[in-house]
Amino acid sequence: MKIERLIGIIMLLLQRELVSAAEMATMFEVTKRTIYRDIDTLSMANIPIYTMPGVKGGIGIMPTYKVDKKLLTAEDLTAIITGLSGFEQLLSSSDIKKTLLKMKNMMGHTNEGATSAISLDFSTLAMKQEFNDKVESLHLAIKKHQFVTLIYIDRDGNETMRQIEPYHLLFRNRSWYLQGYSAERKDFRTFKLSRILNLEVSAKTFEPRPFRLKPFTPSGGRASFQMAEVSIVIDKIAREQIALRFGADTIEPLGKSQFLAKVMLPNHEAGYRFLLSLGKHVTIHKTGDFYDGFISYLKQIQSKYE
């Protein structure tokens, strides 16, 4: 949009003394003639922009301009570039690439990353190309208000077909989620992308409903599993996973090499699978309903190999 480009030009000129029209045209993906028209528009709005001819010339903004040139400092821009560079790994959007390029140009970094003491790396298993393609397709569908049809497996293993009005993408705990309105359920639902077997974006569009981002509910608003407080004995290897998921304050020392943790887990296969992921590094400390359910689950697994 023109207004966004005009703001971008002002921000660029506040950070750099002179910028050529050709460089601006490349950065904003327009013609040089469009850039000169934008400069005329800004001049008519009393923005003190000037041009200097010659090889080393370009377009600049008068140093007496009232807006502080440190509106965005080098540290601010570096932080933004760091965040965008990490986000670009999650969503290969052309909009993000353009914004990242603009920020790097404002910093004078055209072919190299901004210097930062922090870097972000989201190249995890969840970030395979298959998921990147799904995320990008859904992102475009959200922007264009296009219906999407999903072949989806819910948490109980049931396969269904859903027609969805997509509204929001969420990245949480190394997984992507889609929040949208389900025509079948006539309500908003949350879908985990790793459970989508097939995704089709329709050319048909919808009139957006009032949508307000709500606290994350992976169950899509359905009743939650019955939760149980479980006391577990863990070793140093399992301690890391428990601390990451439940917080270090749930753990207390129990001897030299063991720890006692009290955690809330669903008394359901989902909770049992989590404990199994810790292998021999965890033991349920006290008996009860959860313990009985877990033992029954282990016996079901064992029976498959007998």
C-alpha atoms as a PDB file:
ATOM      1  CA  MET A   1       0.000   0.000   0.000  1.00  0.00           C
ATOM      2  CA  LYS A   2       1.163   3.539  -0.743  1.00  0.00           C
ATOM      3  CA  ILE A   3       0.850   4.806   2.843  1.00  0.00           C
ATOM      4  CA  GLU A   4       3.034   1.940   4.101  1.00  0.00           C
ATOM      5  CA  ARG A   5       5.611   2.731   1.413  1.00  0.00           C
ATOM      6  CA  LEU A   6       5.635   6.431   2.344  1.00  0.00           C
ATOM      7  CA  ILE A   7       6.206   5.565   6.009  1.00  0.00           C
ATOM      8  CA  GLY A   8       8.932   3.135   4.972  1.00  0.00           C
ATOM      9  CA  ILE A   9      10.679   5.851   2.948  1.00  0.00           C
ATOM     10  CA  ILE A  10      10.619   8.257   5.898  1.00  0.00           C
ATOM     11  CA  MET A  11      12.007   5.618   8.277  1.00  0.00           C
ATOM     12  CA  LEU A  12      14.721   4.754   5.782  1.00  0.00           C
ATOM     13  CA  LEU A  13      15.760   8.382   5.328  1.00  0.00           C
ATOM     14  CA  LEU A  14      15.804   8.957   9.084  1.00  0.00           C
ATOM     15  CA  GLN A  15      18.456   6.236   9.388  1.00  0.00           C
ATOM     16  CA  ARG A  16      20.565   6.992   6.314  1.00  0.00           C
ATOM     17  CA  GLU A  17      21.937  10.258   4.937  1.00  0.00           C
ATOM     18  CA  LEU A  18      21.316   9.603   1.225  1.00  0.00           C
ATOM     19  CA  VAL A  19      19.573   6.798  -0.643  1.00  0.00           C
ATOM     20  CA  SER A  20      19.367   6.541  -4.430  1.00  0.00           C
ATOM     21  CA  ALA A  21      15.996   6.318  -6.155  1.00  0.00           C
ATOM     22  CA  ALA A  22      17.131   3.082  -7.819  1.00  0.00           C
ATOM     23  CA  GLU A  23      17.880   1.482  -4.442  1.00  0.00           C
ATOM     24  CA  MET A  24      14.500   2.583  -3.087  1.00  0.00           C
ATOM     25  CA  ALA A  25      12.745   1.217  -6.154  1.00  0.00           C
ATOM     26  CA  THR A  26      14.413  -2.171  -5.653  1.00  0.00           C
ATOM     27  CA  MET A  27      13.682  -2.202  -1.925  1.00  0.00           C
ATOM     28  CA  PHE A  28       9.983  -1.321  -2.266  1.00  0.00           C
ATOM     29  CA  GLU A  29       9.500  -3.263  -5.531  1.00  0.00           C
ATOM     30  CA  VAL A  30       8.219  -0.310  -7.560  1.00  0.00           C
ATOM     31  CA  THR A  31       9.583   1.812 -10.417  1.00  0.00           C
ATOM     32  CA  LYS A  32      11.861   4.823 -10.003  1.00  0.00           C
ATOM     33  CA  ARG A  33       9.047   6.974 -11.367  1.00  0.00           C
ATOM     34  CA  THR A  34       6.808   5.770  -8.517  1.00  0.00           C
ATOM     35  CA  ILE A  35       9.539   6.651  -5.996  1.00  0.00           C
ATOM     36  CA  TYR A  36       9.824  10.183  -7.400  1.00  0.00           C
ATOM     37  CA  ARG A  37       6.028  10.552  -7.179  1.00  0.00           C
ATOM     38  CA  ASP A  38       6.231   9.423  -3.545  1.00  0.00           C
ATOM     39  CA  ILE A  39       8.939  12.012  -2.879  1.00  0.00           C
ATOM     40  CA  ASP A  40       6.693  14.711  -4.371  1.00  0.00           C
ATOM     41  CA  THR A  41       3.839  13.537  -2.134  1.00  0.00           C
ATOM     42  CA  LEU A  42       6.035  13.739   0.966  1.00  0.00           C
ATOM     43  CA  SER A  43       7.304  17.181  -0.015  1.00  0.00           C
ATOM     44  CA  MET A  44       3.716  18.423  -0.415  1.00  0.00           C
ATOM     45  CA  ALA A  45       3.104  17.114   3.137  1.00  0.00           C
ATOM     46  CA  ASN A  46       5.886  19.455   4.341  1.00  0.00           C
ATOM     47  CA  ILE A  47       8.413  16.651   4.930  1.00  0.00           C
ATOM     48  CA  PRO A  48      11.772  18.382   4.239  1.00  0.00           C
ATOM     49  CA  ILE A  49      13.133  15.989   1.647  1.00  0.00           C
ATOM     50  CA  TYR A  50      15.895  17.041  -0.756  1.00  0.00           C
ATOM     51  CA  THR A  51      17.748  15.465  -3.681  1.00  0.00           C
ATOM     52  CA  MET A  52      21.413  15.660  -4.591  1.00  0.00           C
ATOM     53  CA  PRO A  53      22.546  14.970  -8.170  1.00  0.00           C
ATOM     54  CA  GLY A  54      25.658  13.070  -9.141  1.00  0.00           C
ATOM     55  CA  VAL A  55      27.133   9.605  -8.708  1.00  0.00           C
ATOM     56  CA  LYS A  56      27.265   9.964  -4.931  1.00  0.00           C
ATOM     57  CA  GLY A  57      23.992  11.815  -4.741  1.00  0.00           C
ATOM     58  CA  GLY A  58      20.553  10.598  -3.813  1.00  0.00           C
ATOM     59  CA  ILE A  59      17.499  11.446  -1.750  1.00  0.00           C
ATOM     60  CA  GLY A  60      17.787  12.675   1.836  1.00  0.00           C
ATOM     61  CA  ILE A  61      15.860  14.335   4.618  1.00  0.00           C
ATOM     62  CA  MET A  62      16.917  17.605   6.250  1.00  0.00           C
ATOM     63  CA  PRO A  63      18.747  17.106   9.572  1.00  0.00           C
ATOM     64  CA  THR A  64      16.529  19.791  11.105  1.00  0.00           C
ATOM     65  CA  TYR A  65      13.475  17.557  10.700  1.00  0.00           C
ATOM     66  CA  LYS A  66      11.739  17.394  14.082  1.00  0.00           C
ATOM     67  CA  VAL A  67      11.421  13.607  14.252  1.00  0.00           C
ATOM     68  CA  ASP A  68      14.318  12.207  16.232  1.00  0.00           C
ATOM     69  CA  LYS A  69      16.610  10.156  14.016  1.00  0.00           C
ATOM     70  CA  LYS A  70      16.984   7.731  16.897  1.00  0.00           C
ATOM     71  CA  LEU A  71      13.293   6.868  16.754  1.00  0.00           C
ATOM     72  CA  LEU A  72      14.634   3.425  15.891  1.00  0.00           C
ATOM     73  CA  THR A  73      18.202   2.981  17.065  1.00  0.00           C
ATOM     74  CA  ALA A  74      20.710   0.523  15.645  1.00  0.00           C
ATOM     75  CA  GLU A  75      20.040  -1.704  18.661  1.00  0.00           C
ATOM     76  CA  ASP A  76      16.275  -1.544  17.991  1.00  0.00           C
ATOM     77  CA  LEU A  77      16.727  -2.535  14.359  1.00  0.00           C
ATOM     78  CA  THR A  78      19.153  -5.325  15.228  1.00  0.00           C
ATOM     79  CA  ALA A  79      16.627  -6.776  17.671  1.00  0.00           C
ATOM     80  CA  ILE A  80      13.888  -6.605  15.015  1.00  0.00           C
ATOM     81  CA  ILE A  81      16.136  -8.252  12.416  1.00  0.00           C
ATOM     82  CA  THR A  82      17.038 -11.031  14.864  1.00  0.00           C
ATOM     83  CA  GLY A  83      13.387 -11.738  15.576  1.00  0.00           C
ATOM     84  CA  LEU A  84      12.388 -11.624  11.902  1.00  0.00           C
ATOM     85  CA  SER A  85      15.284 -13.893  10.911  1.00  0.00           C
ATOM     86  CA  GLY A  86      14.036 -16.517  13.365  1.00  0.00           C
ATOM     87  CA  PHE A  87      10.426 -16.061  12.316  1.00  0.00           C
ATOM     88  CA  GLU A  88      11.391 -16.453   8.662  1.00  0.00           C
ATOM     89  CA  GLN A  89      12.382 -20.048   9.456  1.00  0.00           C
ATOM     90  CA  LEU A  90       8.850 -20.707  10.709  1.00  0.00           C
ATOM     91  CA  LEU A  91       6.960 -18.939   7.935  1.00  0.00           C
ATOM     92  CA  SER A  92       8.550 -18.500   4.499  1.00  0.00           C
ATOM     93  CA  SER A  93       6.311 -15.549   3.681  1.00  0.00           C
ATOM     94  CA  SER A  94       7.205 -13.069   0.936  1.00  0.00           C
ATOM     95  CA  ASP A  95       5.946 -10.275   3.217  1.00  0.00           C
ATOM     96  CA  ILE A  96       8.423 -11.265   5.928  1.00  0.00           C
ATOM     97  CA  LYS A  97      11.248 -11.503   3.406  1.00  0.00           C
ATOM     98  CA  LYS A  98      10.455  -7.994   2.136  1.00  0.00           C
ATOM     99  CA  THR A  99      10.284  -6.564   5.663  1.00  0.00           C
ATOM    100  CA  LEU A 100      13.555  -8.270   6.609  1.00  0.00           C
ATOM    101  CA  LEU A 101      15.247  -6.868   3.500  1.00  0.00           C
ATOM    102  CA  LYS A 102      14.000  -3.352   4.297  1.00  0.00           C
ATOM    103  CA  MET A 103      15.283  -3.569   7.868  1.00  0.00           C
ATOM    104  CA  LYS A 104      18.673  -4.875   6.743  1.00  0.00           C
ATOM    105  CA  ASN A 105      18.936  -2.056   4.205  1.00  0.00           C
ATOM    106  CA  MET A 106      18.136   0.458   6.927  1.00  0.00           C
ATOM    107  CA  MET A 107      21.027  -1.004   8.898  1.00  0.00           C
ATOM    108  CA  GLY A 108      23.251  -1.111   5.859  1.00  0.00           C
ATOM    109  CA  HIS A 109      23.226  -4.944   5.893  1.00  0.00           C
ATOM    110  CA  THR A 110      22.330  -6.008   2.374  1.00  0.00           C
ATOM    111  CA  ASN A 111      24.127  -9.322   2.107  1.00  0.00           C
ATOM    112  CA  GLU A 112      24.845 -10.246   5.687  1.00  0.00           C
ATOM    113  CA  GLY A 113      22.986 -10.695   8.927  1.00  0.00           C
ATOM    114  CA  ALA A 114      22.859  -8.004  11.570  1.00  0.00           C
ATOM    115  CA  THR A 115      25.431  -8.367  14.302  1.00  0.00           C
ATOM    116  CA  SER A 116      23.741  -9.610  17.450  1.00  0.00           C
ATOM    117  CA  ALA A 117      24.659 -11.417  20.646  1.00  0.00           C
ATOM    118  CA  ILE A 118      21.524 -13.524  20.189  1.00  0.00           C
ATOM    119  CA  SER A 119      20.418 -15.812  17.365  1.00  0.00           C
ATOM    120  CA  LEU A 120      17.280 -17.908  16.935  1.00  0.00           C
ATOM    121  CA  ASP A 121      17.181 -21.375  15.389  1.00  0.00           C
ATOM    122  CA  PHE A 122      13.816 -23.035  14.771  1.00  0.00           C
ATOM    123  CA  SER A 123      15.101 -25.727  12.405  1.00  0.00           C
ATOM    124  CA  THR A 124      13.467 -28.547  14.372  1.00  0.00           C
ATOM    125  CA  LEU A 125      11.748 -31.710  13.218  1.00  0.00           C
ATOM    126  CA  ALA A 126       8.467 -29.810  13.078  1.00  0.00           C
ATOM    127  CA  MET A 127       9.930 -27.450  10.512  1.00  0.00           C
ATOM    128  CA  LYS A 128      10.188 -29.929   7.628  1.00  0.00           C
ATOM    129  CA  GLN A 129       9.265 -28.567   4.202  1.00  0.00           C
ATOM    130  CA  GLU A 130       5.868 -30.281   4.408  1.00  0.00           C
ATOM    131  CA  PHE A 131       4.903 -28.143   7.407  1.00  0.00           C
ATOM    132  CA  ASN A 132       6.369 -24.975   5.890  1.00  0.00           C
ATOM    133  CA  ASP A 133       4.188 -25.508   2.810  1.00  0.00           C
ATOM    134  CA  LYS A 134       1.070 -26.029   4.949  1.00  0.00           C
ATOM    135  CA  VAL A 135       1.786 -22.947   7.034  1.00  0.00           C
ATOM    136  CA  GLU A 136       2.393 -20.775   3.983  1.00  0.00           C
ATOM    137  CA  SER A 137      -0.779 -22.053   2.256  1.00  0.00           C
ATOM    138  CA  LEU A 138      -2.856 -21.371   5.373  1.00  0.00           C
ATOM    139  CA  HIS A 139      -1.259 -17.964   5.864  1.00  0.00           C
ATOM    140  CA  LEU A 140      -2.296 -16.932   2.340  1.00  0.00           C
ATOM    141  CA  ALA A 141      -5.779 -18.398   2.851  1.00  0.00           C
ATOM    142  CA  ILE A 142      -6.174 -16.311   6.011  1.00  0.00           C
ATOM    143  CA  LYS A 143      -5.132 -13.143   4.183  1.00  0.00           C
ATOM    144  CA  LYS A 144      -7.460 -13.821   1.252  1.00  0.00           C
ATOM    145  CA  HIS A 145     -10.362 -15.162   3.381  1.00  0.00           C
ATOM    146  CA  GLN A 146     -10.454 -18.471   1.506  1.00  0.00           C
ATOM    147  CA  PHE A 147     -12.167 -21.635   2.746  1.00  0.00           C
ATOM    148  CA  VAL A 148      -9.914 -24.623   3.451  1.00  0.00           C
ATOM    149  CA  THR A 149     -10.891 -28.280   3.586  1.00  0.00           C
ATOM    150  CA  LEU A 150      -9.025 -30.575   5.970  1.00  0.00           C
ATOM    151  CA  ILE A 151      -8.777 -34.326   6.306  1.00  0.00           C
ATOM    152  CA  TYR A 152      -8.081 -34.373  10.019  1.00  0.00           C
ATOM    153  CA  ILE A 153      -7.285 -36.968  12.683  1.00  0.00           C
ATOM    154  CA  ASP A 154      -8.408 -35.817  16.129  1.00  0.00           C
ATOM    155  CA  ARG A 155      -6.692 -36.688  19.407  1.00  0.00           C
ATOM    156  CA  ASP A 156      -8.791 -39.859  19.713  1.00  0.00           C
ATOM    157  CA  GLY A 157      -7.698 -41.141  16.300  1.00  0.00           C
ATOM    158  CA  ASN A 158     -10.964 -40.354  14.485  1.00  0.00           C
ATOM    159  CA  GLU A 159     -10.597 -39.219  10.871  1.00  0.00           C
ATOM    160  CA  THR A 160     -12.980 -36.486   9.696  1.00  0.00           C
ATOM    161  CA  MET A 161     -13.349 -33.974   6.880  1.00  0.00           C
ATOM    162  CA  ARG A 162     -13.731 -30.350   7.953  1.00  0.00           C
ATOM    163  CA  GLN A 163     -14.506 -27.161   6.041  1.00  0.00           C
ATOM    164  CA  ILE A 164     -12.818 -24.315   7.867  1.00  0.00           C
ATOM    165  CA  GLU A 165     -12.776 -20.542   7.778  1.00  0.00           C
ATOM    166  CA  PRO A 166      -9.116 -19.938   8.773  1.00  0.00           C
ATOM    167  CA  TYR A 167      -8.369 -16.967  11.039  1.00  0.00           C
ATOM    168  CA  HIS A 168      -5.132 -17.445  12.958  1.00  0.00           C
ATOM    169  CA  LEU A 169      -1.899 -19.477  12.997  1.00  0.00           C
ATOM    170  CA  LEU A 170      -0.139 -20.217  16.274  1.00  0.00           C
ATOM    171  CA  PHE A 171       3.316 -21.704  16.860  1.00  0.00           C
ATOM    172  CA  ARG A 172       3.541 -23.261  20.315  1.00  0.00           C
ATOM    173  CA  ASN A 173       5.792 -25.908  21.853  1.00  0.00           C
ATOM    174  CA  ARG A 174       7.480 -26.709  18.526  1.00  0.00           C
ATOM    175  CA  SER A 175       4.140 -27.261  16.767  1.00  0.00           C
ATOM    176  CA  TRP A 176       1.869 -25.217  14.505  1.00  0.00           C
ATOM    177  CA  TYR A 177      -1.856 -24.828  15.199  1.00  0.00           C
ATOM    178  CA  LEU A 178      -4.676 -23.362  13.124  1.00  0.00           C
ATOM    179  CA  GLN A 179      -7.572 -21.539  14.742  1.00  0.00           C
ATOM    180  CA  GLY A 180     -10.656 -21.270  12.590  1.00  0.00           C
ATOM    181  CA  TYR A 181     -14.421 -21.620  12.324  1.00  0.00           C
ATOM    182  CA  SER A 182     -15.630 -25.165  11.608  1.00  0.00           C
ATOM    183  CA  ALA A 183     -18.737 -25.361   9.393  1.00  0.00           C
ATOM    184  CA  GLU A 184     -19.476 -28.848  10.763  1.00  0.00           C
ATOM    185  CA  ARG A 185     -19.208 -27.862  14.445  1.00  0.00           C
ATOM    186  CA  LYS A 186     -20.607 -24.335  13.905  1.00  0.00           C
ATOM    187  CA  ASP A 187     -18.007 -22.994  16.302  1.00  0.00           C
ATOM    188  CA  PHE A 188     -14.352 -21.996  16.473  1.00  0.00           C
ATOM    189  CA  ARG A 189     -11.878 -24.865  16.777  1.00  0.00           C
ATOM    190  CA  THR A 190      -8.130 -25.364  17.053  1.00  0.00           C
ATOM    191  CA  PHE A 191      -6.386 -27.838  14.741  1.00  0.00           C
ATOM    192  CA  LYS A 192      -2.856 -29.188  15.074  1.00  0.00           C
ATOM    193  CA  LEU A 193      -1.118 -29.110  11.704  1.00  0.00           C
ATOM    194  CA  SER A 194       0.713 -32.387  12.296  1.00  0.00           C
ATOM    195  CA  ARG A 195      -2.711 -34.108  12.436  1.00  0.00           C
ATOM    196  CA  ILE A 196      -3.787 -32.806   9.028  1.00  0.00           C
ATOM    197  CA  LEU A 197      -3.566 -35.601   6.443  1.00  0.00           C
ATOM    198  CA  ASN A 198      -4.645 -33.456   3.520  1.00  0.00           C
ATOM    199  CA  LEU A 199      -5.178 -29.733   3.023  1.00  0.00           C
ATOM    200  CA  GLU A 200      -6.982 -28.045   0.142  1.00  0.00           C
ATOM    201  CA  VAL A 201      -7.428 -24.292  -0.231  1.00  0.00           C
ATOM    202  CA  SER A 202     -10.617 -23.331  -2.074  1.00  0.00           C
ATOM    203  CA  ALA A 203     -10.970 -20.431  -4.482  1.00  0.00           C
ATOM    204  CA  LYS A 204     -14.254 -19.717  -2.706  1.00  0.00           C
ATOM    205  CA  THR A 205     -14.029 -16.884  -0.181  1.00  0.00           C
ATOM    206  CA  PHE A 206     -15.999 -16.098   2.983  1.00  0.00           C
ATOM    207  CA  GLU A 207     -17.105 -12.985   4.816  1.00  0.00           C
ATOM    208  CA  PRO A 208     -14.951 -12.896   7.985  1.00  0.00           C
ATOM    209  CA  ARG A 209     -16.740 -13.376  11.291  1.00  0.00           C
ATOM    210  CA  PRO A 210     -15.804 -11.379  14.392  1.00  0.00           C
ATOM    211  CA  PHE A 211     -12.720 -13.211  15.614  1.00  0.00           C
ATOM    212  CA  ARG A 212     -10.915 -12.558  18.834  1.00  0.00           C
ATOM    213  CA  LEU A 213      -7.783 -14.462  19.755  1.00  0.00           C
ATOM    214  CA  LYS A 214      -8.503 -16.554  22.829  1.00  0.00           C
ATOM    215  CA  PRO A 215      -6.183 -18.387  25.221  1.00  0.00           C
ATOM    216  CA  PHE A 216      -4.711 -21.451  23.558  1.00  0.00           C
ATOM    217  CA  THR A 217      -7.001 -24.485  23.799  1.00  0.00           C
ATOM    218  CA  PRO A 218      -5.578 -27.435  21.849  1.00  0.00           C
ATOM    219  CA  SER A 219      -8.732 -29.433  22.573  1.00  0.00           C
ATOM    220  CA  GLY A 220     -10.703 -27.006  20.405  1.00  0.00           C
ATOM    221  CA  GLY A 221     -13.003 -26.072  23.264  1.00  0.00           C
ATOM    222  CA  ARG A 222     -14.013 -29.621  24.161  1.00  0.00           C
ATOM    223  CA  ALA A 223     -13.999 -30.941  27.700  1.00  0.00           C
ATOM    224  CA  SER A 224     -10.478 -31.504  28.975  1.00  0.00           C
ATOM    225  CA  PHE A 225      -9.098 -34.829  30.149  1.00  0.00           C
ATOM    226  CA  GLN A 226      -9.415 -35.594  33.830  1.00  0.00           C
ATOM    227  CA  MET A 227      -6.204 -34.309  35.375  1.00  0.00           C
ATOM    228  CA  ALA A 228      -4.358 -35.978  38.227  1.00  0.00           C
ATOM    229  CA  GLU A 229      -1.479 -34.880  40.428  1.00  0.00           C
ATOM    230  CA  VAL A 230       1.260 -37.449  39.954  1.00  0.00           C
ATOM    231  CA  SER A 231       4.351 -37.803  42.168  1.00  0.00           C
ATOM    232  CA  ILE A 232       7.297 -39.113  40.181  1.00  0.00           C
ATOM    233  CA  VAL A 233      10.919 -39.896  40.985  1.00  0.00           C
ATOM    234  CA  ILE A 234      13.272 -38.733  38.242  1.00  0.00           C
ATOM    235  CA  ASP A 235      17.003 -38.729  37.607  1.00  0.00           C
ATOM    236  CA  LYS A 236      19.210 -35.942  36.259  1.00  0.00           C
ATOM    237  CA  ILE A 237      18.412 -36.791  32.640  1.00  0.00           C
ATOM    238  CA  ALA A 238      14.622 -36.587  33.072  1.00  0.00           C
ATOM    239  CA  ARG A 239      14.910 -33.466  35.243  1.00  0.00           C
ATOM    240  CA  GLU A 240      15.537 -31.293  32.198  1.00  0.00           C
ATOM    241  CA  GLN A 241      12.323 -32.370  30.462  1.00  0.00           C
ATOM    242  CA  ILE A 242      10.228 -31.951  33.620  1.00  0.00           C
ATOM    243  CA  ALA A 243      11.696 -28.502  34.271  1.00  0.00           C
ATOM    244  CA  LEU A 244      11.006 -27.395  30.687  1.00  0.00           C
ATOM    245  CA  ARG A 245       7.406 -28.585  30.728  1.00  0.00           C
ATOM    246  CA  PHE A 246       6.290 -27.938  34.297  1.00  0.00           C
ATOM    247  CA  GLY A 247       8.860 -25.541  35.768  1.00  0.00           C
ATOM    248  CA  ALA A 248      11.800 -26.075  38.098  1.00  0.00           C
ATOM    249  CA  ASP A 249       9.680 -25.190  41.130  1.00  0.00           C
ATOM    250  CA  THR A 250       7.855 -28.545  40.795  1.00  0.00           C
ATOM    251  CA  ILE A 251      11.104 -30.395  41.496  1.00  0.00           C
ATOM    252  CA  GLU A 252      12.898 -30.989  44.801  1.00  0.00           C
ATOM    253  CA  PRO A 253      16.066 -32.975  45.577  1.00  0.00           C
ATOM    254  CA  LEU A 254      15.671 -36.575  46.692  1.00  0.00           C
ATOM    255  CA  GLY A 255      19.117 -37.856  47.512  1.00  0.00           C
ATOM    256  CA  LYS A 256      22.283 -37.165  45.523  1.00  0.00           C
ATOM    257  CA  SER A 257      21.169 -38.259  42.052  1.00  0.00           C
ATOM    258  CA  GLN A 258      17.376 -38.316  42.188  1.00  0.00           C
ATOM    259  CA  PHE A 259      14.572 -35.776  42.399  1.00  0.00           C
ATOM    260  CA  LEU A 260      10.923 -35.808  43.393  1.00  0.00           C
ATOM    261  CA  ALA A 261       8.481 -33.950  41.143  1.00  0.00           C
ATOM    262  CA  LYS A 262       4.757 -33.351  41.525  1.00  0.00           C
ATOM    263  CA  VAL A 263       3.122 -32.702  38.161  1.00  0.00           C
ATOM    264  CA  MET A 264      -0.394 -32.529  36.746  1.00  0.00           C
ATOM    265  CA  LEU A 265      -0.981 -35.053  33.961  1.00  0.00           C
ATOM    266  CA  PRO A 266      -4.119 -36.177  32.090  1.00  0.00           C
ATOM    267  CA  ASN A 267      -5.312 -39.551  33.351  1.00  0.00           C
ATOM    268  CA  HIS A 268      -5.415 -40.687  29.766  1.00  0.00           C
ATOM    269  CA  GLU A 269      -3.184 -42.177  27.094  1.00  0.00           C
ATOM    270  CA  ALA A 270      -1.692 -38.720  26.467  1.00  0.00           C
ATOM    271  CA  GLY A 271      -0.328 -38.616  30.034  1.00  0.00           C
ATOM    272  CA  TYR A 272       0.919 -42.195  29.868  1.00  0.00           C
ATOM    273  CA  ARG A 273       2.743 -41.529  26.590  1.00  0.00           C
ATOM    274  CA  PHE A 274       4.512 -38.567  28.145  1.00  0.00           C
ATOM    275  CA  LEU A 275       5.894 -40.706  30.970  1.00  0.00           C
ATOM    276  CA  LEU A 276       6.943 -43.365  28.481  1.00  0.00           C
ATOM    277  CA  SER A 277       8.897 -40.723  26.560  1.00  0.00           C
ATOM    278  CA  LEU A 278      11.138 -40.412  29.646  1.00  0.00           C
ATOM    279  CA  GLY A 279      11.851 -44.145  29.570  1.00  0.00           C
ATOM    280  CA  LYS A 280      13.751 -45.623  32.495  1.00  0.00           C
ATOM    281  CA  HIS A 281      14.519 -42.189  33.903  1.00  0.00           C
ATOM    282  CA  VAL A 282      11.154 -41.832  35.683  1.00  0.00           C
ATOM    283  CA  THR A 283       9.175 -43.900  38.209  1.00  0.00           C
ATOM    284  CA  ILE A 284       5.697 -43.190  39.584  1.00  0.00           C
ATOM    285  CA  HIS A 285       6.213 -42.560  43.297  1.00  0.00           C
ATOM    286  CA  LYS A 286       2.746 -43.334  44.687  1.00  0.00           C
ATOM    287  CA  THR A 287      -0.091 -45.621  43.646  1.00  0.00           C
ATOM    288  CA  GLY A 288      -3.577 -44.442  42.752  1.00  0.00           C
ATOM    289  CA  ASP A 289      -5.935 -44.137  39.764  1.00  0.00           C
ATOM    290  CA  PHE A 290      -3.237 -42.725  37.495  1.00  0.00           C
ATOM    291  CA  TYR A 291      -0.804 -45.492  38.518  1.00  0.00           C
ATOM    292  CA  ASP A 292      -3.421 -48.168  37.824  1.00  0.00           C
ATOM    293  CA  GLY A 293      -4.247 -46.681  34.432  1.00  0.00           C
ATOM    294  CA  PHE A 294      -0.571 -46.437  33.515  1.00  0.00           C
ATOM    295  CA  ILE A 295       0.109 -50.078  34.484  1.00  0.00           C
ATOM    296  CA  SER A 296      -2.908 -51.192  32.433  1.00  0.00           C
ATOM    297  CA  TYR A 297      -1.585 -49.213  29.474  1.00  0.00           C
ATOM    298  CA  LEU A 298       1.849 -50.856  29.803  1.00  0.00           C
ATOM    299  CA  LYS A 299       0.215 -54.300  29.814  1.00  0.00           C
ATOM    300  CA  GLN A 300      -1.663 -53.441  26.616  1.00  0.00           C
ATOM    301  CA  ILE A 301       1.629 -52.522  24.964  1.00  0.00           C
ATOM    302  CA  GLN A 302       3.323 -55.678  26.242  1.00  0.00           C
ATOM    303  CA  SER A 303       0.496 -57.865  24.918  1.00  0.00           C
ATOM    304  CA  LYS A 304       1.290 -56.725  21.392  1.00  0.00           C
ATOM    305  CA  TYR A 305       4.681 -58.430  21.626  1.00  0.00           C
ATOM    306  CA  GLU A 306       3.639 -61.674  23.268  1.00  0.00           C
END
